[in-house]
Amino acid sequence: MAKETINEEGILTKIQKHLIYDIHELKENEPQEQKASNELFITKEKNTKLKIESFFIKMKSSVYVNSNNRIFLVNFLHSLRIDLSAVTV
């Protein structure tokens, strides 16, 4: 997980990123019935009274990779959250 906070021009920005990978080698006799799938979720919330705004993006997918005549199934999940808030003085 990576986190970053930026306070610039009256806006506090908090960013969180997650990258998760699962790599599985498929053997010759192993059935390759697993299908690559894709999912994408996006949400946005805004509260004008509290002067905050949030974005959340999550992508879950899988791909097949061929390397040196070996086949791998790579499952991954990427997420990004951005929170914006007004800095009061």
C-alpha atoms as a PDB file:
ATOM      1  CA  MET A   1       0.000   0.000   0.000  1.00  0.00           C
ATOM      2  CA  ALA A   2       1.223   3.486  -0.826  1.00  0.00           C
ATOM      3  CA  LYS A   3      -0.075   6.612   0.905  1.00  0.00           C
ATOM      4  CA  GLU A   4       0.467  10.246   0.069  1.00  0.00           C
ATOM      5  CA  THR A   5      -0.860  13.447   1.634  1.00  0.00           C
ATOM      6  CA  ILE A   6      -0.693  16.813  -0.097  1.00  0.00           C
ATOM      7  CA  ASN A   7      -1.747  20.142   1.416  1.00  0.00           C
ATOM      8  CA  GLU A   8      -1.824  22.704  -1.358  1.00  0.00           C
ATOM      9  CA  GLU A   9      -3.818  25.865  -2.028  1.00  0.00           C
ATOM     10  CA  GLY A  10      -6.363  25.239   0.726  1.00  0.00           C
ATOM     11  CA  ILE A  11      -7.080  21.629  -0.309  1.00  0.00           C
ATOM     12  CA  LEU A  12      -5.936  18.598   1.697  1.00  0.00           C
ATOM     13  CA  THR A  13      -5.559  15.596  -0.620  1.00  0.00           C
ATOM     14  CA  LYS A  14      -5.091  12.063   0.733  1.00  0.00           C
ATOM     15  CA  ILE A  15      -4.236   9.316  -1.754  1.00  0.00           C
ATOM     16  CA  GLN A  16      -4.116   5.563  -1.041  1.00  0.00           C
ATOM     17  CA  LYS A  17      -3.086   2.946  -3.613  1.00  0.00           C
ATOM     18  CA  HIS A  18      -3.209  -0.838  -3.282  1.00  0.00           C
ATOM     19  CA  LEU A  19      -1.716  -3.260  -5.805  1.00  0.00           C
ATOM     20  CA  ILE A  20      -2.186  -6.992  -5.188  1.00  0.00           C
ATOM     21  CA  TYR A  21      -1.003  -9.754  -7.518  1.00  0.00           C
ATOM     22  CA  ASP A  22      -1.435 -13.534  -7.413  1.00  0.00           C
ATOM     23  CA  ILE A  23       0.573 -15.483  -9.999  1.00  0.00           C
ATOM     24  CA  HIS A  24      -0.133 -19.168 -10.579  1.00  0.00           C
ATOM     25  CA  GLU A  25       1.725 -21.344 -13.087  1.00  0.00           C
ATOM     26  CA  LEU A  26      -0.546 -23.643 -15.059  1.00  0.00           C
ATOM     27  CA  LYS A  27       0.822 -27.127 -15.619  1.00  0.00           C
ATOM     28  CA  GLU A  28       0.379 -28.993 -18.906  1.00  0.00           C
ATOM     29  CA  ASN A  29      -2.113 -31.467 -17.457  1.00  0.00           C
ATOM     30  CA  GLU A  30      -3.997 -28.818 -15.456  1.00  0.00           C
ATOM     31  CA  PRO A  31      -7.328 -27.840 -17.017  1.00  0.00           C
ATOM     32  CA  GLN A  32      -7.338 -24.234 -18.161  1.00  0.00           C
ATOM     33  CA  GLU A  33     -11.016 -23.632 -17.583  1.00  0.00           C
ATOM     34  CA  GLN A  34     -10.397 -20.505 -15.538  1.00  0.00           C
ATOM     35  CA  LYS A  35     -11.555 -17.566 -17.598  1.00  0.00           C
ATOM     36  CA  ALA A  36      -9.931 -14.183 -17.378  1.00  0.00           C
ATOM     37  CA  SER A  37     -12.447 -11.831 -15.782  1.00  0.00           C
ATOM     38  CA  ASN A  38     -12.689  -8.071 -15.461  1.00  0.00           C
ATOM     39  CA  GLU A  39     -14.490  -5.999 -12.823  1.00  0.00           C
ATOM     40  CA  LEU A  40     -14.422  -2.232 -12.411  1.00  0.00           C
ATOM     41  CA  PHE A  41     -16.016  -0.282  -9.548  1.00  0.00           C
ATOM     42  CA  ILE A  42     -16.074   3.507  -9.352  1.00  0.00           C
ATOM     43  CA  THR A  43     -17.701   5.597  -6.632  1.00  0.00           C
ATOM     44  CA  LYS A  44     -17.748   9.315  -5.989  1.00  0.00           C
ATOM     45  CA  GLU A  45     -19.130  11.054  -2.916  1.00  0.00           C
ATOM     46  CA  LYS A  46     -19.473  14.770  -2.317  1.00  0.00           C
ATOM     47  CA  ASN A  47     -20.552  16.609   0.835  1.00  0.00           C
ATOM     48  CA  THR A  48     -20.813  20.345   0.176  1.00  0.00           C
ATOM     49  CA  LYS A  49     -21.624  21.159   3.828  1.00  0.00           C
ATOM     50  CA  LEU A  50     -18.433  19.527   5.118  1.00  0.00           C
ATOM     51  CA  LYS A  51     -16.504  20.518   1.965  1.00  0.00           C
ATOM     52  CA  ILE A  52     -15.225  16.997   1.301  1.00  0.00           C
ATOM     53  CA  GLU A  53     -15.125  14.866  -1.811  1.00  0.00           C
ATOM     54  CA  SER A  54     -14.042  11.224  -2.229  1.00  0.00           C
ATOM     55  CA  PHE A  55     -13.283   9.016  -5.215  1.00  0.00           C
ATOM     56  CA  PHE A  56     -12.766   5.266  -5.090  1.00  0.00           C
ATOM     57  CA  ILE A  57     -11.728   3.091  -8.023  1.00  0.00           C
ATOM     58  CA  LYS A  58     -11.204  -0.677  -7.837  1.00  0.00           C
ATOM     59  CA  MET A  59     -10.208  -2.865 -10.751  1.00  0.00           C
ATOM     60  CA  LYS A  60     -10.060  -6.638 -10.431  1.00  0.00           C
ATOM     61  CA  SER A  61      -8.912  -8.694 -13.380  1.00  0.00           C
ATOM     62  CA  SER A  62      -6.842 -11.613 -14.591  1.00  0.00           C
ATOM     63  CA  VAL A  63      -4.668 -12.296 -17.610  1.00  0.00           C
ATOM     64  CA  TYR A  64      -2.800 -15.242 -19.051  1.00  0.00           C
ATOM     65  CA  VAL A  65       0.920 -14.779 -19.640  1.00  0.00           C
ATOM     66  CA  ASN A  66       3.163 -16.996 -21.776  1.00  0.00           C
ATOM     67  CA  SER A  67       6.844 -16.846 -20.842  1.00  0.00           C
ATOM     68  CA  ASN A  68       9.462 -19.317 -22.107  1.00  0.00           C
ATOM     69  CA  ASN A  69       6.743 -21.828 -23.057  1.00  0.00           C
ATOM     70  CA  ARG A  70       5.260 -21.671 -19.545  1.00  0.00           C
ATOM     71  CA  ILE A  71       1.726 -20.384 -18.992  1.00  0.00           C
ATOM     72  CA  PHE A  72       0.805 -18.296 -15.964  1.00  0.00           C
ATOM     73  CA  LEU A  73      -2.515 -16.959 -14.725  1.00  0.00           C
ATOM     74  CA  VAL A  74      -2.045 -13.537 -13.151  1.00  0.00           C
ATOM     75  CA  ASN A  75      -4.903 -12.310 -10.934  1.00  0.00           C
ATOM     76  CA  PHE A  76      -4.661  -8.738  -9.766  1.00  0.00           C
ATOM     77  CA  LEU A  77      -6.538  -6.095  -7.830  1.00  0.00           C
ATOM     78  CA  HIS A  78      -5.723  -2.406  -8.058  1.00  0.00           C
ATOM     79  CA  SER A  79      -7.474   0.191  -5.935  1.00  0.00           C
ATOM     80  CA  LEU A  80      -7.151   3.948  -5.653  1.00  0.00           C
ATOM     81  CA  ARG A  81      -8.840   6.184  -3.105  1.00  0.00           C
ATOM     82  CA  ILE A  82      -8.611   9.968  -3.213  1.00  0.00           C
ATOM     83  CA  ASP A  83     -10.064  12.117  -0.434  1.00  0.00           C
ATOM     84  CA  LEU A  84     -10.230  15.897  -0.879  1.00  0.00           C
ATOM     85  CA  SER A  85     -11.154  18.304   1.889  1.00  0.00           C
ATOM     86  CA  ALA A  86     -11.066  22.059   2.290  1.00  0.00           C
ATOM     87  CA  VAL A  87      -8.519  23.291   4.813  1.00  0.00           C
ATOM     88  CA  THR A  88     -10.069  25.821   7.178  1.00  0.00           C
ATOM     89  CA  VAL A  89      -7.927  28.561   8.664  1.00  0.00           C
END
